[in-house]
Protein backbone atom coordinates (compact mmCIF):
# COMPACT_ATOMS: atom_id res chain seq x y z
CA UNK A 1 9.93 -45.75 -56.97
CA UNK A 2 8.61 -49.26 -56.40
CA UNK A 3 10.09 -52.54 -55.22
CA UNK A 4 8.65 -55.83 -56.46
CA UNK A 5 9.57 -59.12 -54.85
CA UNK A 6 8.46 -62.71 -54.41
CA UNK A 7 8.64 -64.63 -51.14
CA UNK A 8 7.18 -68.04 -50.30
CA UNK A 9 5.16 -68.02 -53.53
CA UNK A 10 3.60 -64.61 -52.81
CA UNK A 11 4.04 -61.76 -55.31
CA UNK A 12 4.29 -58.33 -53.70
CA UNK A 13 5.11 -54.73 -54.53
CA UNK A 14 5.95 -51.81 -52.27
CA UNK A 15 5.27 -48.26 -53.38
CA UNK A 16 8.26 -46.64 -51.69
CA UNK A 17 7.07 -43.06 -51.34
CA UNK A 18 3.50 -43.73 -50.17
CA UNK A 19 4.35 -46.86 -48.20
CA UNK A 20 1.47 -48.73 -49.85
CA UNK A 21 1.97 -52.49 -50.09
CA UNK A 22 0.11 -54.67 -52.61
CA UNK A 23 -0.19 -58.42 -53.01
CA UNK A 24 -0.38 -59.36 -56.69
CA UNK A 25 -1.16 -62.36 -58.81
CA UNK A 26 1.51 -63.63 -61.19
CA UNK A 27 0.06 -61.83 -64.21
CA UNK A 28 0.01 -58.42 -62.54
CA UNK A 29 3.50 -59.01 -61.14
CA UNK A 30 4.91 -59.74 -64.60
CA UNK A 31 3.02 -56.87 -66.22
CA UNK A 32 4.33 -54.51 -63.56
CA UNK A 33 7.83 -55.59 -64.58
CA UNK A 34 7.13 -54.01 -67.98
CA UNK A 35 6.90 -50.53 -66.45
CA UNK A 36 10.01 -48.36 -66.21
CA UNK A 37 11.12 -46.58 -63.03
CA UNK A 38 8.91 -43.59 -63.89
CA UNK A 39 5.78 -45.68 -64.18
CA UNK A 40 5.65 -45.70 -67.98
CA UNK A 41 4.55 -48.94 -69.64
CA UNK A 42 6.95 -50.39 -72.21
CA UNK A 43 4.74 -52.07 -74.80
CA UNK A 44 7.70 -53.88 -76.34
CA UNK A 45 8.28 -55.62 -73.00
CA UNK A 46 4.66 -56.77 -72.98
CA UNK A 47 5.36 -58.86 -76.06
CA UNK A 48 7.42 -61.16 -73.83
CA UNK A 49 4.26 -62.07 -71.88
CA UNK A 50 2.64 -64.12 -74.63
CA UNK A 51 1.95 -66.92 -72.11
CA UNK A 52 -0.94 -64.80 -70.81
CA UNK A 53 -4.03 -63.99 -72.82
CA UNK A 54 -4.83 -60.43 -73.80
CA UNK A 55 -7.72 -60.02 -71.36
CA UNK A 56 -5.53 -61.03 -68.40
CA UNK A 57 -2.88 -58.51 -69.40
CA UNK A 58 -5.39 -55.72 -69.96
CA UNK A 59 -7.00 -56.37 -66.59
CA UNK A 60 -3.60 -56.17 -64.89
CA UNK A 61 -2.77 -52.91 -66.69
CA UNK A 62 -6.11 -51.46 -65.63
CA UNK A 63 -5.42 -52.33 -61.98
CA UNK A 64 -1.92 -50.87 -62.10
CA UNK A 65 -3.11 -47.64 -63.72
CA UNK A 66 -5.82 -47.34 -61.07
CA UNK A 67 -3.22 -47.61 -58.30
CA UNK A 68 -1.02 -45.04 -60.06
CA UNK A 69 -3.91 -42.61 -60.36
CA UNK A 70 -4.69 -42.97 -56.66
CA UNK A 71 -1.07 -42.41 -55.58
CA UNK A 72 -0.46 -45.99 -54.50
CA UNK A 73 2.08 -46.91 -57.18
CA UNK A 74 4.94 -44.86 -58.63
CA UNK A 75 4.13 -42.07 -56.20
CA UNK A 76 6.27 -38.95 -56.49
CA UNK A 77 8.74 -38.10 -53.73
CA UNK A 78 7.02 -35.87 -51.13
CA UNK A 79 10.12 -35.21 -49.03
CA UNK A 80 12.66 -33.43 -51.24
CA UNK A 81 11.04 -30.05 -50.66
CA UNK A 82 11.59 -30.47 -46.92
CA UNK A 83 15.34 -31.02 -47.14
CA UNK A 84 16.70 -27.44 -47.22
CA UNK A 85 15.68 -26.84 -43.59
CA UNK A 86 16.96 -30.11 -42.23
CA UNK A 87 20.41 -28.92 -41.17
CA UNK A 88 18.98 -26.64 -38.49
CA UNK A 89 20.14 -26.91 -34.89
CA UNK A 90 18.37 -29.69 -33.02
CA UNK A 91 17.82 -30.26 -29.32
CA UNK A 92 19.16 -33.18 -27.30
CA UNK A 93 16.36 -35.64 -26.53
CA UNK A 94 18.18 -38.66 -25.12
CA UNK A 95 21.38 -39.72 -23.38
CA UNK A 96 23.07 -43.09 -23.16
CA UNK A 97 24.74 -43.09 -19.74
CA UNK A 98 27.76 -45.38 -19.53
CA UNK A 99 27.21 -46.28 -15.91
CA UNK A 100 30.01 -48.84 -15.97
CA UNK A 101 33.04 -49.17 -18.19
CA UNK A 102 33.46 -52.61 -16.72
CA UNK A 103 31.72 -55.95 -17.14
CA UNK A 104 31.41 -59.33 -15.47
CA UNK A 105 31.37 -61.11 -18.84
CA UNK A 106 34.08 -61.46 -21.47
CA UNK A 107 32.05 -61.80 -24.66
CA UNK A 108 34.04 -62.78 -27.72
CA UNK A 109 32.35 -60.26 -30.02
CA UNK A 110 32.17 -57.27 -27.64
CA UNK A 111 32.62 -53.99 -29.52
CA UNK A 112 33.44 -52.28 -26.20
CA UNK A 113 36.53 -54.36 -25.44
CA UNK A 114 34.71 -56.17 -22.59
CA UNK A 115 33.73 -52.80 -21.16
CA UNK A 116 36.94 -50.77 -21.40
CA UNK A 117 36.01 -48.83 -24.58
CA UNK A 118 39.67 -48.41 -25.57
CA UNK A 119 40.34 -46.88 -22.16
CA UNK A 120 40.33 -48.23 -18.63
CA UNK A 121 37.77 -49.87 -16.37
CA UNK A 122 35.78 -47.30 -14.42
CA UNK A 123 32.37 -46.59 -12.90
CA UNK A 124 30.31 -43.42 -13.25
CA UNK A 125 29.96 -41.41 -10.05
CA UNK A 126 26.63 -40.07 -8.88
CA UNK A 127 27.92 -36.51 -9.35
CA UNK A 128 28.65 -37.19 -13.03
CA UNK A 129 25.23 -38.82 -13.42
CA UNK A 130 23.47 -35.83 -11.89
CA UNK A 131 25.39 -33.42 -14.09
CA UNK A 132 24.41 -35.49 -17.12
CA UNK A 133 20.74 -35.09 -16.19
CA UNK A 134 21.29 -31.34 -15.84
CA UNK A 135 23.01 -31.26 -19.24
CA UNK A 136 20.08 -33.06 -20.86
CA UNK A 137 17.56 -30.67 -19.34
CA UNK A 138 19.58 -27.61 -20.35
CA UNK A 139 20.02 -28.80 -23.94
CA UNK A 140 16.52 -30.14 -24.57
CA UNK A 141 14.88 -26.81 -25.33
CA UNK A 142 11.10 -26.96 -25.14
CA UNK A 143 10.97 -30.73 -25.48
CA UNK A 144 9.20 -32.23 -22.47
CA UNK A 145 9.75 -35.99 -22.88
CA UNK A 146 13.37 -37.08 -22.43
CA UNK A 147 14.99 -40.51 -22.46
CA UNK A 148 17.92 -41.94 -20.53
CA UNK A 149 19.48 -45.32 -21.32
CA UNK A 150 21.61 -46.99 -18.64
CA UNK A 151 24.36 -48.82 -20.47
CA UNK A 152 27.77 -50.37 -20.03
CA UNK A 153 29.73 -52.55 -19.73
CA UNK A 154 27.32 -53.89 -17.19
CA UNK A 155 25.22 -51.21 -15.42
CA UNK A 156 24.14 -53.53 -12.60
CA UNK A 157 27.75 -53.37 -11.37
CA UNK A 158 27.02 -49.76 -10.42
CA UNK A 159 23.36 -50.06 -9.51
CA UNK A 160 23.33 -47.71 -6.52
CA UNK A 161 24.39 -44.90 -8.85
CA UNK A 162 21.64 -45.91 -11.29
CA UNK A 163 19.10 -45.52 -8.49
CA UNK A 164 20.61 -42.21 -7.42
CA UNK A 165 20.37 -40.82 -10.94
CA UNK A 166 16.74 -41.89 -11.25
CA UNK A 167 15.92 -40.24 -7.91
CA UNK A 168 17.66 -37.04 -8.98
CA UNK A 169 15.87 -36.98 -12.34
CA UNK A 170 12.51 -37.37 -10.61
CA UNK A 171 13.34 -34.36 -8.45
CA UNK A 172 14.30 -32.33 -11.51
CA UNK A 173 11.06 -33.36 -13.21
CA UNK A 174 9.09 -31.52 -10.54
CA UNK A 175 11.28 -28.44 -10.92
CA UNK A 176 11.31 -28.27 -14.71
CA UNK A 177 8.14 -29.96 -15.98
CA UNK A 178 10.25 -32.46 -17.93
CA UNK A 179 9.32 -36.15 -18.10
CA UNK A 180 12.06 -38.80 -18.00
CA UNK A 181 11.76 -42.30 -19.39
CA UNK A 182 14.45 -44.82 -18.44
CA UNK A 183 15.80 -47.95 -20.13
CA UNK A 184 18.47 -50.36 -18.92
CA UNK A 185 20.53 -52.92 -20.84
CA UNK A 186 21.91 -55.79 -18.79
CA UNK A 187 23.47 -59.22 -19.13
CA UNK A 188 21.24 -60.23 -16.17
CA UNK A 189 24.00 -61.96 -14.16
CA UNK A 190 23.31 -59.70 -11.16
CA UNK A 191 19.55 -59.43 -11.69
CA UNK A 192 18.40 -60.46 -8.22
CA UNK A 193 14.91 -59.95 -6.81
CA UNK A 194 15.58 -56.47 -5.38
CA UNK A 195 17.03 -55.18 -8.65
CA UNK A 196 14.19 -56.67 -10.66
CA UNK A 197 11.64 -55.01 -8.40
CA UNK A 198 13.33 -51.64 -8.72
CA UNK A 199 13.71 -51.93 -12.48
CA UNK A 200 10.08 -52.97 -12.91
CA UNK A 201 8.97 -49.96 -10.90
CA UNK A 202 11.24 -47.41 -12.58
CA UNK A 203 12.37 -48.52 -16.04
CA UNK A 204 10.14 -48.13 -19.07
CA UNK A 205 12.06 -50.77 -21.00
CA UNK A 206 14.66 -53.46 -20.30
CA UNK A 207 17.07 -55.17 -22.68
CA UNK A 208 18.24 -58.62 -21.51
CA UNK A 209 21.23 -60.12 -23.31
CA UNK A 210 21.05 -63.81 -24.24
CA UNK A 211 22.14 -65.31 -27.55
CA UNK A 212 19.88 -68.36 -27.81
CA UNK A 213 20.83 -72.01 -27.45
CA UNK A 214 23.10 -72.85 -24.52
CA UNK A 215 25.97 -74.00 -26.74
CA UNK A 216 25.72 -70.86 -28.88
CA UNK A 217 25.46 -68.48 -25.93
CA UNK A 218 28.24 -70.09 -23.89
CA UNK A 219 30.67 -70.24 -26.80
CA UNK A 220 30.98 -66.43 -26.75
CA UNK A 221 29.21 -65.06 -23.67
CA UNK A 222 31.66 -66.28 -21.05
CA UNK A 223 32.14 -65.24 -17.46
CA UNK A 224 35.50 -63.96 -16.24
CA UNK A 225 36.50 -67.45 -15.14
CA UNK A 226 35.81 -68.78 -18.64
CA UNK A 227 32.58 -70.61 -17.80
CA UNK A 228 29.37 -70.06 -19.72
CA UNK A 229 26.65 -67.65 -18.59
CA UNK A 230 23.50 -69.37 -19.92
CA UNK A 231 22.54 -71.37 -16.82
CA UNK A 232 22.85 -68.34 -14.54
CA UNK A 233 21.22 -65.80 -16.87
CA UNK A 234 18.26 -67.78 -18.19
CA UNK A 235 16.18 -68.15 -14.99
CA UNK A 236 16.79 -64.52 -14.02
CA UNK A 237 15.85 -63.21 -17.47
CA UNK A 238 12.72 -65.38 -17.54
CA UNK A 239 11.63 -64.05 -14.17
CA UNK A 240 12.09 -60.49 -15.39
CA UNK A 241 10.05 -61.14 -18.55
CA UNK A 242 7.28 -62.80 -16.54
CA UNK A 243 7.20 -60.05 -13.92
CA UNK A 244 6.85 -57.46 -16.68
CA UNK A 245 3.89 -59.34 -18.13
CA UNK A 246 5.89 -60.10 -21.28
CA UNK A 247 5.81 -56.39 -22.18
CA UNK A 248 8.29 -53.50 -22.33
CA UNK A 249 11.41 -55.63 -22.63
CA UNK A 250 13.51 -57.46 -25.20
CA UNK A 251 15.70 -60.48 -24.86
CA UNK A 252 18.44 -59.46 -27.23
CA UNK A 253 20.92 -61.84 -28.83
CA UNK A 254 23.75 -61.63 -31.33
CA UNK A 255 24.39 -64.11 -34.10
CA UNK A 256 27.76 -64.60 -35.76
CA UNK A 257 29.34 -66.59 -38.54
CA UNK A 258 29.38 -69.50 -36.09
CA UNK A 259 25.56 -69.75 -36.03
CA UNK A 260 24.16 -68.70 -39.37
CA UNK A 261 21.19 -70.89 -38.44
CA UNK A 262 20.24 -68.15 -35.96
CA UNK A 263 16.55 -68.73 -36.63
CA UNK A 264 16.93 -71.79 -34.43
CA UNK A 265 18.14 -69.50 -31.64
CA UNK A 266 15.17 -67.17 -32.10
CA UNK A 267 12.77 -70.11 -31.86
CA UNK A 268 14.69 -71.50 -28.88
CA UNK A 269 14.13 -68.22 -27.04
CA UNK A 270 10.44 -68.31 -28.00
CA UNK A 271 10.18 -71.90 -26.75
CA UNK A 272 11.59 -70.73 -23.41
CA UNK A 273 8.63 -68.38 -23.07
CA UNK A 274 10.13 -65.07 -24.19
CA UNK A 275 7.64 -63.08 -26.25
CA UNK A 276 9.78 -60.05 -27.16
CA UNK A 277 12.87 -61.16 -29.06
CA UNK A 278 15.63 -59.49 -31.03
CA UNK A 279 18.63 -61.37 -32.44
CA UNK A 280 21.04 -59.12 -34.34
CA UNK A 281 23.89 -59.82 -36.76
CA UNK A 282 27.29 -59.28 -35.19
CA UNK A 283 29.41 -56.33 -36.26
CA UNK A 284 32.99 -57.55 -36.13
CA UNK A 285 36.20 -57.35 -38.13
CA UNK A 286 37.35 -60.21 -40.32
CA UNK A 287 40.22 -61.14 -38.01
CA UNK A 288 37.70 -62.21 -35.37
CA UNK A 289 36.40 -65.07 -37.49
CA UNK A 290 32.91 -64.11 -36.29
CA UNK A 291 31.98 -61.50 -38.90
CA UNK A 292 29.16 -61.93 -41.40
CA UNK A 293 30.81 -61.88 -44.82
CA UNK A 294 29.55 -61.24 -48.35
CA UNK A 295 29.54 -64.97 -49.06
CA UNK A 296 27.25 -65.49 -46.05
CA UNK A 297 24.56 -63.04 -47.12
CA UNK A 298 22.57 -65.51 -49.22
CA UNK A 299 22.53 -68.01 -46.35
CA UNK A 300 21.46 -65.37 -43.83
CA UNK A 301 18.71 -64.06 -46.12
CA UNK A 302 17.42 -67.57 -46.63
CA UNK A 303 17.39 -68.05 -42.86
CA UNK A 304 15.29 -64.88 -42.44
CA UNK A 305 12.79 -66.28 -44.95
CA UNK A 306 12.60 -69.61 -43.12
CA UNK A 307 12.16 -67.80 -39.82
CA UNK A 308 9.41 -65.60 -41.29
CA UNK A 309 7.44 -68.66 -42.37
CA UNK A 310 7.74 -70.31 -38.96
CA UNK A 311 6.91 -66.98 -37.30
CA UNK A 312 3.60 -66.74 -39.16
CA UNK A 313 2.71 -70.36 -38.40
CA UNK A 314 3.45 -70.04 -34.71
CA UNK A 315 1.53 -66.81 -34.26
CA UNK A 316 -1.41 -68.30 -36.16
CA UNK A 317 -1.43 -71.33 -33.88
CA UNK A 318 -1.24 -69.52 -30.57
CA UNK A 319 2.55 -69.71 -30.06
CA UNK A 320 2.74 -65.94 -30.19
CA UNK A 321 5.92 -63.86 -29.99
CA UNK A 322 7.37 -60.70 -31.50
CA UNK A 323 10.62 -60.64 -33.45
CA UNK A 324 11.95 -57.09 -33.54
CA UNK A 325 13.05 -57.09 -37.19
CA UNK A 326 9.70 -58.41 -38.40
CA UNK A 327 7.68 -55.68 -36.69
CA UNK A 328 6.51 -53.02 -39.13
CA UNK A 329 3.77 -50.40 -38.87
CA UNK A 330 2.30 -49.58 -42.28
CA UNK A 331 -0.35 -47.21 -40.97
CA UNK A 332 1.74 -45.14 -38.57
CA UNK A 333 5.41 -45.90 -38.11
CA UNK A 334 8.22 -43.46 -37.38
CA UNK A 335 7.81 -39.74 -37.97
CA UNK A 336 9.28 -38.20 -41.13
CA UNK A 337 12.37 -36.99 -39.27
CA UNK A 338 13.23 -40.47 -38.06
CA UNK A 339 12.54 -42.02 -41.45
CA UNK A 340 15.01 -39.66 -43.08
CA UNK A 341 17.66 -39.29 -40.37
CA UNK A 342 17.51 -42.40 -38.21
CA UNK A 343 18.34 -42.66 -34.53
CA UNK A 344 19.59 -39.09 -34.08
CA UNK A 345 23.12 -40.06 -33.04
CA UNK A 346 25.43 -37.07 -32.78
CA UNK A 347 22.56 -34.59 -32.67
CA UNK A 348 19.52 -35.62 -30.63
CA UNK A 349 21.12 -38.63 -28.98
CA UNK A 350 24.50 -38.62 -27.20
CA UNK A 351 26.53 -41.02 -25.09
CA UNK A 352 28.12 -39.98 -21.78
CA UNK A 353 31.24 -41.73 -20.44
CA UNK A 354 31.91 -42.32 -16.71
CA UNK A 355 34.08 -39.18 -16.79
CA UNK A 356 31.38 -37.07 -18.46
CA UNK A 357 32.72 -36.99 -22.02
CA UNK A 358 30.18 -36.78 -24.85
CA UNK A 359 30.18 -38.94 -27.97
CA UNK A 360 27.65 -39.42 -30.83
CA UNK A 361 26.56 -42.82 -29.48
CA UNK A 362 27.83 -45.76 -27.44
CA UNK A 363 29.62 -47.31 -30.41
CA UNK A 364 31.77 -44.21 -30.96
CA UNK A 365 32.90 -43.96 -27.34
CA UNK A 366 36.69 -43.99 -27.03
CA UNK A 367 37.28 -42.73 -30.58
CA UNK A 368 38.75 -39.32 -29.82
CA UNK A 369 38.04 -37.98 -33.30
CA UNK A 370 34.35 -38.21 -32.34
CA UNK A 371 34.65 -36.49 -28.94
CA UNK A 372 31.88 -33.85 -28.92
CA UNK A 373 32.62 -32.15 -25.59
CA UNK A 374 31.63 -32.91 -22.02
CA UNK A 375 28.72 -32.40 -19.65
CA UNK A 376 30.51 -29.59 -17.80
CA UNK A 377 31.57 -27.32 -20.68
CA UNK A 378 28.93 -28.42 -23.15
CA UNK A 379 29.25 -29.38 -26.80
CA UNK A 380 32.43 -28.40 -28.62
CA UNK A 381 32.97 -27.23 -32.20
CA UNK A 382 34.04 -30.60 -33.55
CA UNK A 383 33.10 -30.44 -37.27
CA UNK A 384 31.82 -34.00 -37.07
CA UNK A 385 28.71 -32.55 -35.43
CA UNK A 386 27.86 -30.83 -38.70
CA UNK A 387 28.41 -34.08 -40.58
CA UNK A 388 25.87 -35.84 -38.39
CA UNK A 389 23.45 -32.91 -38.61
CA UNK A 390 23.65 -32.69 -42.40
CA UNK A 391 23.38 -36.42 -43.08
CA UNK A 392 20.14 -38.11 -44.11
CA UNK A 393 19.01 -40.70 -46.65
CA UNK A 394 19.09 -38.08 -49.42
CA UNK A 395 22.69 -37.04 -48.78
CA UNK A 396 23.90 -40.65 -48.96
CA UNK A 397 24.15 -41.56 -52.66
CA UNK A 398 23.66 -45.27 -52.03
CA UNK A 399 20.57 -44.61 -49.90
CA UNK A 400 19.01 -42.04 -52.20
CA UNK A 401 18.26 -44.66 -54.83
CA UNK A 402 17.40 -47.49 -52.41
CA UNK A 403 13.84 -48.73 -51.98
CA UNK A 404 14.35 -49.58 -48.28
CA UNK A 405 15.68 -46.20 -47.17
CA UNK A 406 12.60 -45.21 -45.15
CA UNK A 407 12.77 -48.43 -43.12
CA UNK A 408 16.45 -48.40 -42.12
CA UNK A 409 16.78 -44.58 -42.26
CA UNK A 410 20.22 -44.90 -43.77
CA UNK A 411 21.58 -47.58 -41.49
CA UNK A 412 23.93 -47.38 -38.52
CA UNK A 413 26.45 -44.53 -38.61
CA UNK A 414 28.88 -46.45 -36.39
CA UNK A 415 28.85 -49.45 -38.71
CA UNK A 416 29.39 -47.15 -41.69
CA UNK A 417 32.40 -45.62 -39.99
CA UNK A 418 33.86 -48.96 -38.92
CA UNK A 419 33.75 -50.45 -42.40
CA UNK A 420 33.97 -47.41 -44.70
CA UNK A 421 35.51 -44.65 -42.53
CA UNK A 422 32.60 -42.41 -43.51
CA UNK A 423 29.21 -42.21 -41.79
CA UNK A 424 27.66 -41.32 -45.16
CA UNK A 425 28.61 -44.64 -46.78
CA UNK A 426 26.48 -47.41 -45.30
CA UNK A 427 27.86 -50.86 -44.50
CA UNK A 428 26.81 -52.91 -47.52
CA UNK A 429 26.21 -56.21 -45.74
CA UNK A 430 23.97 -54.43 -43.24
CA UNK A 431 22.04 -53.01 -46.20
CA UNK A 432 21.46 -56.40 -47.80
CA UNK A 433 20.26 -57.97 -44.57
CA UNK A 434 17.99 -55.04 -43.80
CA UNK A 435 16.34 -55.26 -47.21
CA UNK A 436 15.61 -58.93 -46.69
CA UNK A 437 14.19 -58.26 -43.22
CA UNK A 438 11.88 -55.61 -44.64
CA UNK A 439 10.68 -57.97 -47.36
CA UNK A 440 9.97 -60.62 -44.74
CA UNK A 441 8.17 -58.11 -42.53
CA UNK A 442 5.96 -56.96 -45.42
CA UNK A 443 5.17 -60.56 -46.34
CA UNK A 444 4.27 -61.35 -42.73
CA UNK A 445 2.01 -58.30 -42.63
CA UNK A 446 0.25 -59.47 -45.79
CA UNK A 447 -0.20 -63.00 -44.45
CA UNK A 448 -1.59 -61.87 -41.12
CA UNK A 449 -3.81 -59.22 -42.69
CA UNK A 450 -5.39 -61.69 -45.11
CA UNK A 451 -5.95 -64.17 -42.28
CA UNK A 452 -7.63 -61.54 -40.12
CA UNK A 453 -9.81 -60.49 -43.05
CA UNK A 454 -11.11 -64.04 -43.35
CA UNK A 455 -12.76 -65.58 -46.41
CA UNK A 456 -14.70 -63.34 -48.73
CA UNK A 457 -18.48 -63.49 -48.46
CA UNK A 458 -20.45 -64.73 -51.44
């Protein structure tokens, strides 16, 4: 399987199974279009390329056949033979601890109902947090490295419990030989100097929520009294980013139908000095008026292309920053398991509510049909566990034939459920946007690689 595309005048092709990426001239690009999906050249199609001379066409064919022979084009699928053993029992590697089912913001697009998660406002106790750490240790098998995400609502509203859980986990590390890595996601309203110091000393990564321009952010990220949050959050988030040396954090925004020019928000955040940026499309129902719709996809894809071009120019000229969706590792990248199965929700990754209930991930919390047990009695026999365990890009018909499947790993299960009531049917708009982001990321990689290579020597 291959995927050919053109972006900003550059012709490119991805060999899906090997991950090889090639930059082509126009002749080779058009000749490649005369090959069928199995890599067989259709000579009748070549007759449509009369605008090129015979030597140009033959040279292109020779190059394509060379790449085929060396397993860099039309490579056979190496993963299907691995699939029979993929439904085996897995260990739990990570927990998302819902430290607070409460929040000091009232964001217009909040999937968690401003922190209530279809329930009531509550805070996790230290006892529940400790038991969650015990549960993770007991269900992690021989895996040494474990991850804990502090999430909400707003976790800084329950920060003493956060600190208590970290202290307890460090004690259990010494007893068990496990190694914990912590992350916290915060709206930064309460991010004072003491909290920043503690987080910088104890958290491997930090996610800071800010949507971009003041008018965009304050339209939807409002405080309880209805005022905007930008002016309070910005200086605190900037201090955190600076104190972390612009590493191991993201400033994370959400764009909606109200700001389809979200590239401007990305660049606004970069202009403010943030070097690690992620701005994600909202996931919302149509009644909200905020959702990204099918008729918006072309506009959003065009915006990604514009952003990619500006991204390359800025990084070339010393205005360096990372945009999460444009970061791609062609040499290493995720392991095979992650490429095929994604984030591990429902199997290796679980969410814990303030009361100790277990769900596949934070976006399923409150949906009782996805309740997987609790930290006291362990995992239950909910058949949905088997659905998560047995699902990968090869068991999803739409993914199986998609060229981008190893980059999105089948997409978000929660989004699939929200829009299609089946975690095996991906959310189509998410798919289209992901494919465009991958194309942009590959183009950026090609541009930056050719620049680093410099001019050819005579």
